[in-house]
Amino acid sequence: MIGTCRLLLGGRLSRLGRLAVEPEERGRGVAGAILREADRVSLAQGAERIALHAQTYALALYERQGYLERGRRFMEEGIEHVAMEKVLA
């Protein structure tokens, strides 16, 4: 296994968390592929949006996949985060 995430399905909103890719595999499109699969699964389950808390150093990854910042930045587990959301199809 080189990457994973947690996807919580619940009606019209999916929540994505714990996205992780093995360090030596980063920068090779693994995270983007995981995010696209999360979109596919969420849509198949009837979700209209996906929300997540992104570590700010990874904002560009999520922005490339269509996520937009929602609200102020905050600290979670000692790391700066921001809430993000994406409208599906």
C-alpha atoms as a PDB file:
ATOM      1  CA  MET A   1       0.000   0.000   0.000  1.00  0.00           C
ATOM      2  CA  ILE A   2       1.372   3.419  -0.944  1.00  0.00           C
ATOM      3  CA  GLY A   3      -1.547   5.704  -0.063  1.00  0.00           C
ATOM      4  CA  THR A   4      -4.843   5.844   1.786  1.00  0.00           C
ATOM      5  CA  CYS A   5      -7.602   8.102   3.075  1.00  0.00           C
ATOM      6  CA  ARG A   6     -10.708   7.911   5.229  1.00  0.00           C
ATOM      7  CA  LEU A   7     -14.002   8.769   3.536  1.00  0.00           C
ATOM      8  CA  LEU A   8     -17.084   9.192   5.703  1.00  0.00           C
ATOM      9  CA  LEU A   9     -20.291   9.034   3.699  1.00  0.00           C
ATOM     10  CA  GLY A  10     -23.432  10.641   5.046  1.00  0.00           C
ATOM     11  CA  GLY A  11     -26.176  11.874   2.794  1.00  0.00           C
ATOM     12  CA  ARG A  12     -25.315  14.822   0.572  1.00  0.00           C
ATOM     13  CA  LEU A  13     -21.939  15.522   2.241  1.00  0.00           C
ATOM     14  CA  SER A  14     -18.889  13.261   2.362  1.00  0.00           C
ATOM     15  CA  ARG A  15     -16.030  13.981   4.744  1.00  0.00           C
ATOM     16  CA  LEU A  16     -12.504  13.127   3.706  1.00  0.00           C
ATOM     17  CA  GLY A  17      -9.704  12.736   6.203  1.00  0.00           C
ATOM     18  CA  ARG A  18      -6.391  11.091   6.960  1.00  0.00           C
ATOM     19  CA  LEU A  19      -5.051  11.303   3.408  1.00  0.00           C
ATOM     20  CA  ALA A  20      -1.551   9.863   3.497  1.00  0.00           C
ATOM     21  CA  VAL A  21       0.989   8.802   0.869  1.00  0.00           C
ATOM     22  CA  GLU A  22       4.284   7.050   1.537  1.00  0.00           C
ATOM     23  CA  PRO A  23       7.047   9.691   1.447  1.00  0.00           C
ATOM     24  CA  GLU A  24       8.961   8.048  -1.400  1.00  0.00           C
ATOM     25  CA  GLU A  25       5.788   7.995  -3.545  1.00  0.00           C
ATOM     26  CA  ARG A  26       4.849  11.656  -3.083  1.00  0.00           C
ATOM     27  CA  GLY A  27       4.826  13.867  -6.155  1.00  0.00           C
ATOM     28  CA  ARG A  28       3.849  10.998  -8.447  1.00  0.00           C
ATOM     29  CA  GLY A  29       0.077  11.606  -8.594  1.00  0.00           C
ATOM     30  CA  VAL A  30      -0.961   9.138  -5.910  1.00  0.00           C
ATOM     31  CA  ALA A  31      -2.796  11.689  -3.749  1.00  0.00           C
ATOM     32  CA  GLY A  32      -4.622  13.098  -6.779  1.00  0.00           C
ATOM     33  CA  ALA A  33      -5.731   9.599  -7.774  1.00  0.00           C
ATOM     34  CA  ILE A  34      -6.996   8.945  -4.242  1.00  0.00           C
ATOM     35  CA  LEU A  35      -8.939  12.220  -4.272  1.00  0.00           C
ATOM     36  CA  ARG A  36     -10.509  11.409  -7.662  1.00  0.00           C
ATOM     37  CA  GLU A  37     -11.571   7.996  -6.367  1.00  0.00           C
ATOM     38  CA  ALA A  38     -13.089   9.662  -3.283  1.00  0.00           C
ATOM     39  CA  ASP A  39     -15.091  11.882  -5.671  1.00  0.00           C
ATOM     40  CA  ARG A  40     -16.287   8.847  -7.616  1.00  0.00           C
ATOM     41  CA  VAL A  41     -17.328   6.892  -4.515  1.00  0.00           C
ATOM     42  CA  SER A  42     -19.021   9.936  -2.976  1.00  0.00           C
ATOM     43  CA  LEU A  43     -21.033  10.626  -6.119  1.00  0.00           C
ATOM     44  CA  ALA A  44     -22.057   6.979  -6.357  1.00  0.00           C
ATOM     45  CA  GLN A  45     -23.363   7.208  -2.786  1.00  0.00           C
ATOM     46  CA  GLY A  46     -25.393  10.353  -3.506  1.00  0.00           C
ATOM     47  CA  ALA A  47     -23.076  13.018  -2.093  1.00  0.00           C
ATOM     48  CA  GLU A  48     -23.117  16.494  -3.616  1.00  0.00           C
ATOM     49  CA  ARG A  49     -20.054  17.844  -1.759  1.00  0.00           C
ATOM     50  CA  ILE A  50     -16.867  16.695  -0.047  1.00  0.00           C
ATOM     51  CA  ALA A  51     -15.417  18.554   2.947  1.00  0.00           C
ATOM     52  CA  LEU A  52     -12.022  18.188   4.613  1.00  0.00           C
ATOM     53  CA  HIS A  53      -9.508  19.855   6.907  1.00  0.00           C
ATOM     54  CA  ALA A  54      -6.326  20.423   4.902  1.00  0.00           C
ATOM     55  CA  GLN A  55      -2.893  20.977   6.334  1.00  0.00           C
ATOM     56  CA  THR A  56      -1.941  24.348   4.876  1.00  0.00           C
ATOM     57  CA  TYR A  57       1.311  23.078   3.368  1.00  0.00           C
ATOM     58  CA  ALA A  58      -0.850  20.835   1.107  1.00  0.00           C
ATOM     59  CA  LEU A  59      -3.283  23.520  -0.088  1.00  0.00           C
ATOM     60  CA  ALA A  60      -2.037  23.407  -3.689  1.00  0.00           C
ATOM     61  CA  LEU A  61      -2.823  19.686  -3.928  1.00  0.00           C
ATOM     62  CA  TYR A  62      -6.436  20.219  -2.905  1.00  0.00           C
ATOM     63  CA  GLU A  63      -6.862  23.381  -4.980  1.00  0.00           C
ATOM     64  CA  ARG A  64      -5.695  21.464  -8.088  1.00  0.00           C
ATOM     65  CA  GLN A  65      -8.489  18.984  -7.387  1.00  0.00           C
ATOM     66  CA  GLY A  66     -11.142  21.720  -7.151  1.00  0.00           C
ATOM     67  CA  TYR A  67     -11.364  22.322  -3.403  1.00  0.00           C
ATOM     68  CA  LEU A  68     -11.967  25.848  -2.086  1.00  0.00           C
ATOM     69  CA  GLU A  69     -11.032  27.266   1.310  1.00  0.00           C
ATOM     70  CA  ARG A  70     -13.919  27.767   3.726  1.00  0.00           C
ATOM     71  CA  GLY A  71     -13.268  29.917   6.766  1.00  0.00           C
ATOM     72  CA  ARG A  72     -10.250  30.817   8.839  1.00  0.00           C
ATOM     73  CA  ARG A  73      -7.131  28.793   9.385  1.00  0.00           C
ATOM     74  CA  PHE A  74      -6.873  26.913  12.679  1.00  0.00           C
ATOM     75  CA  MET A  75      -4.531  24.664  14.620  1.00  0.00           C
ATOM     76  CA  GLU A  76      -5.249  20.939  14.807  1.00  0.00           C
ATOM     77  CA  GLU A  77      -2.764  18.567  16.453  1.00  0.00           C
ATOM     78  CA  GLY A  78      -0.201  21.395  16.423  1.00  0.00           C
ATOM     79  CA  ILE A  79      -0.418  21.840  12.621  1.00  0.00           C
ATOM     80  CA  GLU A  80      -2.075  24.736  10.783  1.00  0.00           C
ATOM     81  CA  HIS A  81      -5.191  23.628   8.851  1.00  0.00           C
ATOM     82  CA  VAL A  82      -8.010  25.171   6.854  1.00  0.00           C
ATOM     83  CA  ALA A  83     -11.468  23.794   6.101  1.00  0.00           C
ATOM     84  CA  MET A  84     -11.996  23.101   2.415  1.00  0.00           C
ATOM     85  CA  GLU A  85     -14.936  21.957   0.360  1.00  0.00           C
ATOM     86  CA  LYS A  86     -15.600  20.758  -3.163  1.00  0.00           C
ATOM     87  CA  VAL A  87     -18.886  20.616  -5.058  1.00  0.00           C
ATOM     88  CA  LEU A  88     -19.203  17.334  -6.933  1.00  0.00           C
ATOM     89  CA  ALA A  89     -20.421  17.263 -10.563  1.00  0.00           C
END
